């Protein structure tokens, strides 16, 4: 597969809807052609200790960040028509669905 988009989410707590960061890499012809990263205001808006230990983010990092639907408006056109892959598919897919 030479054309795809890879996505990775971080969450603020155990709720899959609590995405607090997203990274996307666009690959075309086997080459990385674009990278996208954004902090996101999590919903629900609280951080648990263990999640913060994993990714190093806390509430002050995302206080002024956009909510997920606003960020998705930026991502969606970038990945249109591309297969979407993820290192931990089950986790990232559940975040996207939430």
PDB file of N, CA and C in Angstrom:
ATOM      1  N   UNK A   1       0.859  -1.175   0.000  1.00  0.00           N
ATOM      2  CA  UNK A   1       0.000   0.000   0.000  1.00  0.00           C
ATOM      3  C   UNK A   1       0.905   1.237   0.000  1.00  0.00           C
ATOM      4  N   UNK A   2       0.790   2.047  -1.032  1.00  0.00           N
ATOM      5  CA  UNK A   2       1.648   3.222  -1.162  1.00  0.00           C
ATOM      6  C   UNK A   2       0.946   4.531  -0.852  1.00  0.00           C
ATOM      7  N   UNK A   3      -0.390   4.505  -0.807  1.00  0.00           N
ATOM      8  CA  UNK A   3      -1.172   5.702  -0.481  1.00  0.00           C
ATOM      9  C   UNK A   3      -2.066   5.392   0.710  1.00  0.00           C
ATOM     10  N   UNK A   4      -1.901   6.136   1.804  1.00  0.00           N
ATOM     11  CA  UNK A   4      -2.738   5.933   2.985  1.00  0.00           C
ATOM     12  C   UNK A   4      -2.569   7.106   3.932  1.00  0.00           C
ATOM     13  N   UNK A   5      -3.432   7.149   4.934  1.00  0.00           N
ATOM     14  CA  UNK A   5      -3.321   8.115   6.023  1.00  0.00           C
ATOM     15  C   UNK A   5      -3.205   7.332   7.324  1.00  0.00           C
ATOM     16  N   UNK A   6      -2.236   7.678   8.126  1.00  0.00           N
ATOM     17  CA  UNK A   6      -2.062   7.064   9.446  1.00  0.00           C
ATOM     18  C   UNK A   6      -2.524   8.069  10.492  1.00  0.00           C
ATOM     19  N   UNK A   7      -3.298   7.575  11.465  1.00  0.00           N
ATOM     20  CA  UNK A   7      -3.862   8.471  12.485  1.00  0.00           C
ATOM     21  C   UNK A   7      -3.554   7.926  13.875  1.00  0.00           C
ATOM     22  N   UNK A   8      -3.374   8.834  14.819  1.00  0.00           N
ATOM     23  CA  UNK A   8      -3.107   8.440  16.207  1.00  0.00           C
ATOM     24  C   UNK A   8      -3.788   9.436  17.133  1.00  0.00           C
ATOM     25  N   UNK A   9      -4.542   8.904  18.073  1.00  0.00           N
ATOM     26  CA  UNK A   9      -5.231   9.740  19.065  1.00  0.00           C
ATOM     27  C   UNK A   9      -4.608   9.556  20.443  1.00  0.00           C
ATOM     28  N   UNK A  10      -4.676  10.608  21.247  1.00  0.00           N
ATOM     29  CA  UNK A  10      -4.382  10.553  22.679  1.00  0.00           C
ATOM     30  C   UNK A  10      -5.651  10.965  23.397  1.00  0.00           C
ATOM     31  N   UNK A  11      -5.914  10.345  24.541  1.00  0.00           N
ATOM     32  CA  UNK A  11      -7.114  10.684  25.309  1.00  0.00           C
ATOM     33  C   UNK A  11      -6.738  11.238  26.678  1.00  0.00           C
ATOM     34  N   UNK A  12      -7.626  12.066  27.203  1.00  0.00           N
ATOM     35  CA  UNK A  12      -7.402  12.715  28.495  1.00  0.00           C
ATOM     36  C   UNK A  12      -7.777  11.815  29.664  1.00  0.00           C
ATOM     37  N   UNK A  13      -8.709  10.902  29.411  1.00  0.00           N
ATOM     38  CA  UNK A  13      -9.183  10.008  30.462  1.00  0.00           C
ATOM     39  C   UNK A  13      -9.625   8.700  29.806  1.00  0.00           C
ATOM     40  N   UNK A  14     -10.335   7.867  30.520  1.00  0.00           N
ATOM     41  CA  UNK A  14     -10.713   6.557  29.981  1.00  0.00           C
ATOM     42  C   UNK A  14     -11.878   6.599  28.996  1.00  0.00           C
ATOM     43  N   UNK A  15     -12.506   7.751  28.831  1.00  0.00           N
ATOM     44  CA  UNK A  15     -13.586   7.896  27.861  1.00  0.00           C
ATOM     45  C   UNK A  15     -12.977   8.059  26.470  1.00  0.00           C
ATOM     46  N   UNK A  16     -13.428   7.273  25.511  1.00  0.00           N
ATOM     47  CA  UNK A  16     -12.881   7.357  24.154  1.00  0.00           C
ATOM     48  C   UNK A  16     -13.202   8.698  23.492  1.00  0.00           C
ATOM     49  N   UNK A  17     -14.231   9.384  23.964  1.00  0.00           N
ATOM     50  CA  UNK A  17     -14.576  10.703  23.417  1.00  0.00           C
ATOM     51  C   UNK A  17     -13.662  11.800  23.935  1.00  0.00           C
ATOM     52  N   UNK A  18     -12.768  11.473  24.844  1.00  0.00           N
ATOM     53  CA  UNK A  18     -11.924  12.488  25.485  1.00  0.00           C
ATOM     54  C   UNK A  18     -10.613  12.728  24.730  1.00  0.00           C
ATOM     55  N   UNK A  19     -10.653  12.639  23.397  1.00  0.00           N
ATOM     56  CA  UNK A  19      -9.422  12.873  22.647  1.00  0.00           C
ATOM     57  C   UNK A  19      -8.879  14.258  22.960  1.00  0.00           C
ATOM     58  N   UNK A  20      -7.587  14.312  23.236  1.00  0.00           N
ATOM     59  CA  UNK A  20      -6.951  15.580  23.582  1.00  0.00           C
ATOM     60  C   UNK A  20      -5.858  15.948  22.585  1.00  0.00           C
ATOM     61  N   UNK A  21      -5.532  15.010  21.696  1.00  0.00           N
ATOM     62  CA  UNK A  21      -4.556  15.287  20.644  1.00  0.00           C
ATOM     63  C   UNK A  21      -4.753  14.279  19.521  1.00  0.00           C
ATOM     64  N   UNK A  22      -4.435  14.723  18.306  1.00  0.00           N
ATOM     65  CA  UNK A  22      -4.493  13.840  17.145  1.00  0.00           C
ATOM     66  C   UNK A  22      -3.310  14.159  16.247  1.00  0.00           C
ATOM     67  N   UNK A  23      -2.759  13.109  15.687  1.00  0.00           N
ATOM     68  CA  UNK A  23      -1.704  13.253  14.698  1.00  0.00           C
ATOM     69  C   UNK A  23      -2.090  12.456  13.465  1.00  0.00           C
ATOM     70  N   UNK A  24      -1.832  13.015  12.294  1.00  0.00           N
ATOM     71  CA  UNK A  24      -2.128  12.346  11.028  1.00  0.00           C
ATOM     72  C   UNK A  24      -0.921  12.518  10.114  1.00  0.00           C
ATOM     73  N   UNK A  25      -0.564  11.438   9.443  1.00  0.00           N
ATOM     74  CA  UNK A  25       0.479  11.478   8.426  1.00  0.00           C
ATOM     75  C   UNK A  25      -0.135  10.994   7.121  1.00  0.00           C
ATOM     76  N   UNK A  26       0.050  11.751   6.049  1.00  0.00           N
ATOM     77  CA  UNK A  26      -0.455  11.390   4.730  1.00  0.00           C
ATOM     78  C   UNK A  26       0.713  10.845   3.912  1.00  0.00           C
ATOM     79  N   UNK A  27       0.516   9.655   3.365  1.00  0.00           N
ATOM     80  CA  UNK A  27       1.534   9.007   2.537  1.00  0.00           C
ATOM     81  C   UNK A  27       0.965   8.817   1.135  1.00  0.00           C
ATOM     82  N   UNK A  28       1.704   9.259   0.150  1.00  0.00           N
ATOM     83  CA  UNK A  28       1.322   9.072  -1.255  1.00  0.00           C
ATOM     84  C   UNK A  28       2.551   8.573  -2.018  1.00  0.00           C
ATOM     85  N   UNK A  29       2.335   7.507  -2.765  1.00  0.00           N
ATOM     86  CA  UNK A  29       3.454   6.929  -3.508  1.00  0.00           C
ATOM     87  C   UNK A  29       4.561   6.439  -2.604  1.00  0.00           C
ATOM     88  N   UNK A  30       4.203   6.049  -1.390  1.00  0.00           N
ATOM     89  CA  UNK A  30       5.191   5.542  -0.433  1.00  0.00           C
ATOM     90  C   UNK A  30       5.999   6.615   0.270  1.00  0.00           C
ATOM     91  N   UNK A  31       5.687   7.877   0.035  1.00  0.00           N
ATOM     92  CA  UNK A  31       6.416   8.990   0.644  1.00  0.00           C
ATOM     93  C   UNK A  31       5.494   9.815   1.535  1.00  0.00           C
ATOM     94  N   UNK A  32       5.989  10.226   2.691  1.00  0.00           N
ATOM     95  CA  UNK A  32       5.228  11.127   3.557  1.00  0.00           C
ATOM     96  C   UNK A  32       5.142  12.478   2.852  1.00  0.00           C
ATOM     97  N   UNK A  33       3.905  12.928   2.601  1.00  0.00           N
ATOM     98  CA  UNK A  33       3.721  14.208   1.904  1.00  0.00           C
ATOM     99  C   UNK A  33       3.125  15.283   2.807  1.00  0.00           C
ATOM    100  N   UNK A  34       2.547  14.872   3.935  1.00  0.00           N
ATOM    101  CA  UNK A  34       1.951  15.862   4.835  1.00  0.00           C
ATOM    102  C   UNK A  34       1.840  15.290   6.238  1.00  0.00           C
ATOM    103  N   UNK A  35       2.028  16.172   7.205  1.00  0.00           N
ATOM    104  CA  UNK A  35       1.848  15.836   8.619  1.00  0.00           C
ATOM    105  C   UNK A  35       0.888  16.848   9.224  1.00  0.00           C
ATOM    106  N   UNK A  36       0.021  16.375  10.124  1.00  0.00           N
ATOM    107  CA  UNK A  36      -0.936  17.249  10.793  1.00  0.00           C
ATOM    108  C   UNK A  36      -0.976  16.852  12.261  1.00  0.00           C
ATOM    109  N   UNK A  37      -0.961  17.843  13.143  1.00  0.00           N
ATOM    110  CA  UNK A  37      -1.079  17.599  14.590  1.00  0.00           C
ATOM    111  C   UNK A  37      -1.925  18.711  15.188  1.00  0.00           C
ATOM    112  N   UNK A  38      -2.791  18.339  16.111  1.00  0.00           N
ATOM    113  CA  UNK A  38      -3.578  19.345  16.815  1.00  0.00           C
ATOM    114  C   UNK A  38      -3.901  18.878  18.225  1.00  0.00           C
ATOM    115  N   UNK A  39      -3.824  19.812  19.148  1.00  0.00           N
ATOM    116  CA  UNK A  39      -4.393  19.581  20.465  1.00  0.00           C
ATOM    117  C   UNK A  39      -5.899  19.734  20.334  1.00  0.00           C
ATOM    118  N   UNK A  40      -6.648  19.085  21.231  1.00  0.00           N
ATOM    119  CA  UNK A  40      -8.109  19.092  21.186  1.00  0.00           C
ATOM    120  C   UNK A  40      -8.632  19.243  22.612  1.00  0.00           C
ATOM    121  N   UNK A  41      -9.674  20.051  22.776  1.00  0.00           N
ATOM    122  CA  UNK A  41     -10.319  20.154  24.089  1.00  0.00           C
ATOM    123  C   UNK A  41     -11.109  18.861  24.307  1.00  0.00           C
ATOM    124  N   UNK A  42     -10.743  18.077  25.323  1.00  0.00           N
ATOM    125  CA  UNK A  42     -11.405  16.780  25.520  1.00  0.00           C
ATOM    126  C   UNK A  42     -12.843  16.914  26.015  1.00  0.00           C
ATOM    127  N   UNK A  43     -13.643  15.924  25.680  1.00  0.00           N
ATOM    128  CA  UNK A  43     -15.028  15.834  26.146  1.00  0.00           C
ATOM    129  C   UNK A  43     -15.250  14.417  26.666  1.00  0.00           C
ATOM    130  N   UNK A  44     -15.411  14.189  27.957  1.00  0.00           N
ATOM    131  CA  UNK A  44     -15.481  15.168  29.038  1.00  0.00           C
ATOM    132  C   UNK A  44     -14.103  15.774  29.331  1.00  0.00           C
ATOM    133  N   UNK A  45     -14.142  16.974  29.856  1.00  0.00           N
ATOM    134  CA  UNK A  45     -12.935  17.773  29.998  1.00  0.00           C
ATOM    135  C   UNK A  45     -12.273  17.595  31.368  1.00  0.00           C
ATOM    136  N   UNK A  46     -11.625  16.455  31.524  1.00  0.00           N
ATOM    137  CA  UNK A  46     -10.779  16.225  32.698  1.00  0.00           C
ATOM    138  C   UNK A  46      -9.702  15.225  32.316  1.00  0.00           C
ATOM    139  N   UNK A  47      -8.580  15.299  33.000  1.00  0.00           N
ATOM    140  CA  UNK A  47      -7.450  14.402  32.744  1.00  0.00           C
ATOM    141  C   UNK A  47      -7.273  13.463  33.918  1.00  0.00           C
ATOM    142  N   UNK A  48      -6.996  12.208  33.618  1.00  0.00           N
ATOM    143  CA  UNK A  48      -6.614  11.330  34.717  1.00  0.00           C
ATOM    144  C   UNK A  48      -5.093  11.159  34.716  1.00  0.00           C
ATOM    145  N   UNK A  49      -4.586  10.802  35.844  1.00  0.00           N
ATOM    146  CA  UNK A  49      -3.137  10.709  36.049  1.00  0.00           C
ATOM    147  C   UNK A  49      -2.471   9.794  35.035  1.00  0.00           C
ATOM    148  N   UNK A  50      -3.029   8.619  34.807  1.00  0.00           N
ATOM    149  CA  UNK A  50      -2.374   7.622  33.959  1.00  0.00           C
ATOM    150  C   UNK A  50      -2.313   8.055  32.508  1.00  0.00           C
ATOM    151  N   UNK A  51      -3.360   8.654  32.005  1.00  0.00           N
ATOM    152  CA  UNK A  51      -3.329   9.136  30.618  1.00  0.00           C
ATOM    153  C   UNK A  51      -2.277  10.235  30.465  1.00  0.00           C
ATOM    154  N   UNK A  52      -2.223  11.137  31.420  1.00  0.00           N
ATOM    155  CA  UNK A  52      -1.216  12.197  31.359  1.00  0.00           C
ATOM    156  C   UNK A  52       0.195  11.636  31.430  1.00  0.00           C
ATOM    157  N   UNK A  53       0.382  10.559  32.174  1.00  0.00           N
ATOM    158  CA  UNK A  53       1.692   9.922  32.241  1.00  0.00           C
ATOM    159  C   UNK A  53       2.104   9.344  30.889  1.00  0.00           C
ATOM    160  N   UNK A  54       1.142   8.866  30.121  1.00  0.00           N
ATOM    161  CA  UNK A  54       1.435   8.277  28.812  1.00  0.00           C
ATOM    162  C   UNK A  54       1.863   9.348  27.814  1.00  0.00           C
ATOM    163  N   UNK A  55       1.090  10.445  27.709  1.00  0.00           N
ATOM    164  CA  UNK A  55       1.359  11.414  26.643  1.00  0.00           C
ATOM    165  C   UNK A  55       1.900  12.758  27.119  1.00  0.00           C
ATOM    166  N   UNK A  56       1.890  13.003  28.405  1.00  0.00           N
ATOM    167  CA  UNK A  56       2.475  14.231  28.938  1.00  0.00           C
ATOM    168  C   UNK A  56       1.598  15.472  28.836  1.00  0.00           C
ATOM    169  N   UNK A  57       0.341  15.303  28.428  1.00  0.00           N
ATOM    170  CA  UNK A  57      -0.561  16.448  28.305  1.00  0.00           C
ATOM    171  C   UNK A  57      -1.403  16.611  29.562  1.00  0.00           C
ATOM    172  N   UNK A  58      -1.812  17.861  29.830  1.00  0.00           N
ATOM    173  CA  UNK A  58      -2.688  18.146  30.967  1.00  0.00           C
ATOM    174  C   UNK A  58      -3.667  19.242  30.565  1.00  0.00           C
ATOM    175  N   UNK A  59      -4.577  19.578  31.458  1.00  0.00           N
ATOM    176  CA  UNK A  59      -5.658  20.515  31.159  1.00  0.00           C
ATOM    177  C   UNK A  59      -5.146  21.860  30.646  1.00  0.00           C
ATOM    178  N   UNK A  60      -4.069  22.357  31.192  1.00  0.00           N
ATOM    179  CA  UNK A  60      -3.570  23.667  30.742  1.00  0.00           C
ATOM    180  C   UNK A  60      -3.104  23.630  29.285  1.00  0.00           C
ATOM    181  N   UNK A  61      -2.752  22.448  28.783  1.00  0.00           N
ATOM    182  CA  UNK A  61      -2.332  22.320  27.385  1.00  0.00           C
ATOM    183  C   UNK A  61      -3.494  22.487  26.420  1.00  0.00           C
ATOM    184  N   UNK A  62      -4.695  22.109  26.841  1.00  0.00           N
ATOM    185  CA  UNK A  62      -5.838  22.093  25.927  1.00  0.00           C
ATOM    186  C   UNK A  62      -6.941  23.077  26.305  1.00  0.00           C
ATOM    187  N   UNK A  63      -6.692  23.946  27.280  1.00  0.00           N
ATOM    188  CA  UNK A  63      -7.705  24.923  27.702  1.00  0.00           C
ATOM    189  C   UNK A  63      -8.259  25.731  26.537  1.00  0.00           C
ATOM    190  N   UNK A  64      -7.416  26.148  25.634  1.00  0.00           N
ATOM    191  CA  UNK A  64      -7.871  26.991  24.522  1.00  0.00           C
ATOM    192  C   UNK A  64      -7.901  26.223  23.195  1.00  0.00           C
ATOM    193  N   UNK A  65      -7.804  24.922  23.256  1.00  0.00           N
ATOM    194  CA  UNK A  65      -7.810  24.098  22.037  1.00  0.00           C
ATOM    195  C   UNK A  65      -9.224  23.975  21.470  1.00  0.00           C
ATOM    196  N   UNK A  66      -9.338  23.741  20.167  1.00  0.00           N
ATOM    197  CA  UNK A  66     -10.666  23.534  19.573  1.00  0.00           C
ATOM    198  C   UNK A  66     -11.239  22.175  19.972  1.00  0.00           C
ATOM    199  N   UNK A  67     -12.552  22.024  19.844  1.00  0.00           N
ATOM    200  CA  UNK A  67     -13.202  20.730  20.091  1.00  0.00           C
ATOM    201  C   UNK A  67     -13.012  19.844  18.860  1.00  0.00           C
ATOM    202  N   UNK A  68     -13.234  18.549  19.026  1.00  0.00           N
ATOM    203  CA  UNK A  68     -12.944  17.590  17.963  1.00  0.00           C
ATOM    204  C   UNK A  68     -13.632  17.900  16.632  1.00  0.00           C
ATOM    205  N   UNK A  69     -14.934  18.237  16.605  1.00  0.00           N
ATOM    206  CA  UNK A  69     -15.553  18.498  15.299  1.00  0.00           C
ATOM    207  C   UNK A  69     -14.843  19.595  14.492  1.00  0.00           C
ATOM    208  N   UNK A  70     -14.313  20.599  15.165  1.00  0.00           N
ATOM    209  CA  UNK A  70     -13.582  21.661  14.474  1.00  0.00           C
ATOM    210  C   UNK A  70     -12.281  21.135  13.877  1.00  0.00           C
ATOM    211  N   UNK A  71     -11.598  20.285  14.617  1.00  0.00           N
ATOM    212  CA  UNK A  71     -10.340  19.709  14.138  1.00  0.00           C
ATOM    213  C   UNK A  71     -10.616  18.728  12.999  1.00  0.00           C
ATOM    214  N   UNK A  72     -11.685  17.949  13.130  1.00  0.00           N
ATOM    215  CA  UNK A  72     -12.013  16.966  12.093  1.00  0.00           C
ATOM    216  C   UNK A  72     -12.294  17.647  10.753  1.00  0.00           C
ATOM    217  N   UNK A  73     -12.850  18.845  10.776  1.00  0.00           N
ATOM    218  CA  UNK A  73     -13.094  19.599   9.537  1.00  0.00           C
ATOM    219  C   UNK A  73     -11.789  19.872   8.787  1.00  0.00           C
ATOM    220  N   UNK A  74     -10.693  19.973   9.506  1.00  0.00           N
ATOM    221  CA  UNK A  74      -9.380  20.174   8.891  1.00  0.00           C
ATOM    222  C   UNK A  74      -8.796  18.854   8.373  1.00  0.00           C
ATOM    223  N   UNK A  75      -9.063  17.770   9.103  1.00  0.00           N
ATOM    224  CA  UNK A  75      -8.482  16.468   8.759  1.00  0.00           C
ATOM    225  C   UNK A  75      -9.214  15.817   7.594  1.00  0.00           C
ATOM    226  N   UNK A  76     -10.520  15.842   7.620  1.00  0.00           N
ATOM    227  CA  UNK A  76     -11.327  15.083   6.659  1.00  0.00           C
ATOM    228  C   UNK A  76     -10.931  15.315   5.200  1.00  0.00           C
ATOM    229  N   UNK A  77     -10.764  16.560   4.745  1.00  0.00           N
ATOM    230  CA  UNK A  77     -10.384  16.729   3.339  1.00  0.00           C
ATOM    231  C   UNK A  77      -8.984  16.196   3.018  1.00  0.00           C
ATOM    232  N   UNK A  78      -8.109  16.183   3.996  1.00  0.00           N
ATOM    233  CA  UNK A  78      -6.748  15.692   3.786  1.00  0.00           C
ATOM    234  C   UNK A  78      -6.716  14.182   3.550  1.00  0.00           C
ATOM    235  N   UNK A  79      -7.644  13.448   4.190  1.00  0.00           N
ATOM    236  CA  UNK A  79      -7.614  11.990   4.130  1.00  0.00           C
ATOM    237  C   UNK A  79      -8.664  11.411   3.183  1.00  0.00           C
ATOM    238  N   UNK A  80      -9.440  12.265   2.526  1.00  0.00           N
ATOM    239  CA  UNK A  80     -10.525  11.808   1.651  1.00  0.00           C
ATOM    240  C   UNK A  80      -9.996  10.814   0.613  1.00  0.00           C
ATOM    241  N   UNK A  81     -10.651   9.664   0.550  1.00  0.00           N
ATOM    242  CA  UNK A  81     -10.304   8.645  -0.433  1.00  0.00           C
ATOM    243  C   UNK A  81      -9.115   7.781  -0.081  1.00  0.00           C
ATOM    244  N   UNK A  82      -8.482   8.042   1.041  1.00  0.00           N
ATOM    245  CA  UNK A  82      -7.314   7.251   1.443  1.00  0.00           C
ATOM    246  C   UNK A  82      -7.699   6.197   2.473  1.00  0.00           C
ATOM    247  N   UNK A  83      -7.077   5.013   2.405  1.00  0.00           N
ATOM    248  CA  UNK A  83      -7.253   4.057   3.498  1.00  0.00           C
ATOM    249  C   UNK A  83      -6.698   4.674   4.785  1.00  0.00           C
ATOM    250  N   UNK A  84      -7.384   4.447   5.891  1.00  0.00           N
ATOM    251  CA  UNK A  84      -6.976   4.983   7.185  1.00  0.00           C
ATOM    252  C   UNK A  84      -6.389   3.850   8.011  1.00  0.00           C
ATOM    253  N   UNK A  85      -5.152   4.028   8.458  1.00  0.00           N
ATOM    254  CA  UNK A  85      -4.476   3.006   9.251  1.00  0.00           C
ATOM    255  C   UNK A  85      -4.090   3.586  10.608  1.00  0.00           C
ATOM    256  N   UNK A  86      -3.875   2.679  11.571  1.00  0.00           N
ATOM    257  CA  UNK A  86      -3.481   3.095  12.919  1.00  0.00           C
ATOM    258  C   UNK A  86      -2.681   1.973  13.566  1.00  0.00           C
ATOM    259  N   UNK A  87      -1.719   2.344  14.381  1.00  0.00           N
ATOM    260  CA  UNK A  87      -0.905   1.358  15.094  1.00  0.00           C
ATOM    261  C   UNK A  87      -1.771   0.513  16.017  1.00  0.00           C
ATOM    262  N   UNK A  88      -2.658   1.169  16.753  1.00  0.00           N
ATOM    263  CA  UNK A  88      -3.565   0.471  17.663  1.00  0.00           C
ATOM    264  C   UNK A  88      -4.989   0.700  17.151  1.00  0.00           C
ATOM    265  N   UNK A  89      -5.341   0.003  16.086  1.00  0.00           N
ATOM    266  CA  UNK A  89      -6.598   0.224  15.367  1.00  0.00           C
ATOM    267  C   UNK A  89      -7.822   0.222  16.280  1.00  0.00           C
ATOM    268  N   UNK A  90      -7.921  -0.742  17.169  1.00  0.00           N
ATOM    269  CA  UNK A  90      -9.101  -0.851  18.029  1.00  0.00           C
ATOM    270  C   UNK A  90      -9.289   0.418  18.864  1.00  0.00           C
ATOM    271  N   UNK A  91      -8.218   0.910  19.440  1.00  0.00           N
ATOM    272  CA  UNK A  91      -8.293   2.122  20.260  1.00  0.00           C
ATOM    273  C   UNK A  91      -8.613   3.354  19.407  1.00  0.00           C
ATOM    274  N   UNK A  92      -7.832   3.568  18.355  1.00  0.00           N
ATOM    275  CA  UNK A  92      -8.018   4.767  17.537  1.00  0.00           C
ATOM    276  C   UNK A  92      -9.379   4.772  16.836  1.00  0.00           C
ATOM    277  N   UNK A  93      -9.840   3.629  16.386  1.00  0.00           N
ATOM    278  CA  UNK A  93     -11.151   3.548  15.746  1.00  0.00           C
ATOM    279  C   UNK A  93     -12.257   3.881  16.746  1.00  0.00           C
ATOM    280  N   UNK A  94     -12.111   3.396  17.982  1.00  0.00           N
ATOM    281  CA  UNK A  94     -13.132   3.684  18.996  1.00  0.00           C
ATOM    282  C   UNK A  94     -13.148   5.171  19.352  1.00  0.00           C
ATOM    283  N   UNK A  95     -11.999   5.826  19.330  1.00  0.00           N
ATOM    284  CA  UNK A  95     -11.951   7.273  19.569  1.00  0.00           C
ATOM    285  C   UNK A  95     -12.660   8.012  18.437  1.00  0.00           C
ATOM    286  N   UNK A  96     -12.391   7.609  17.222  1.00  0.00           N
ATOM    287  CA  UNK A  96     -13.004   8.262  16.075  1.00  0.00           C
ATOM    288  C   UNK A  96     -14.532   8.089  16.088  1.00  0.00           C
ATOM    289  N   UNK A  97     -14.986   6.915  16.426  1.00  0.00           N
ATOM    290  CA  UNK A  97     -16.424   6.666  16.487  1.00  0.00           C
ATOM    291  C   UNK A  97     -17.099   7.415  17.631  1.00  0.00           C
ATOM    292  N   UNK A  98     -16.373   7.580  18.743  1.00  0.00           N
ATOM    293  CA  UNK A  98     -16.955   8.285  19.898  1.00  0.00           C
ATOM    294  C   UNK A  98     -17.110   9.761  19.593  1.00  0.00           C
TER     295      UNK A  98
END
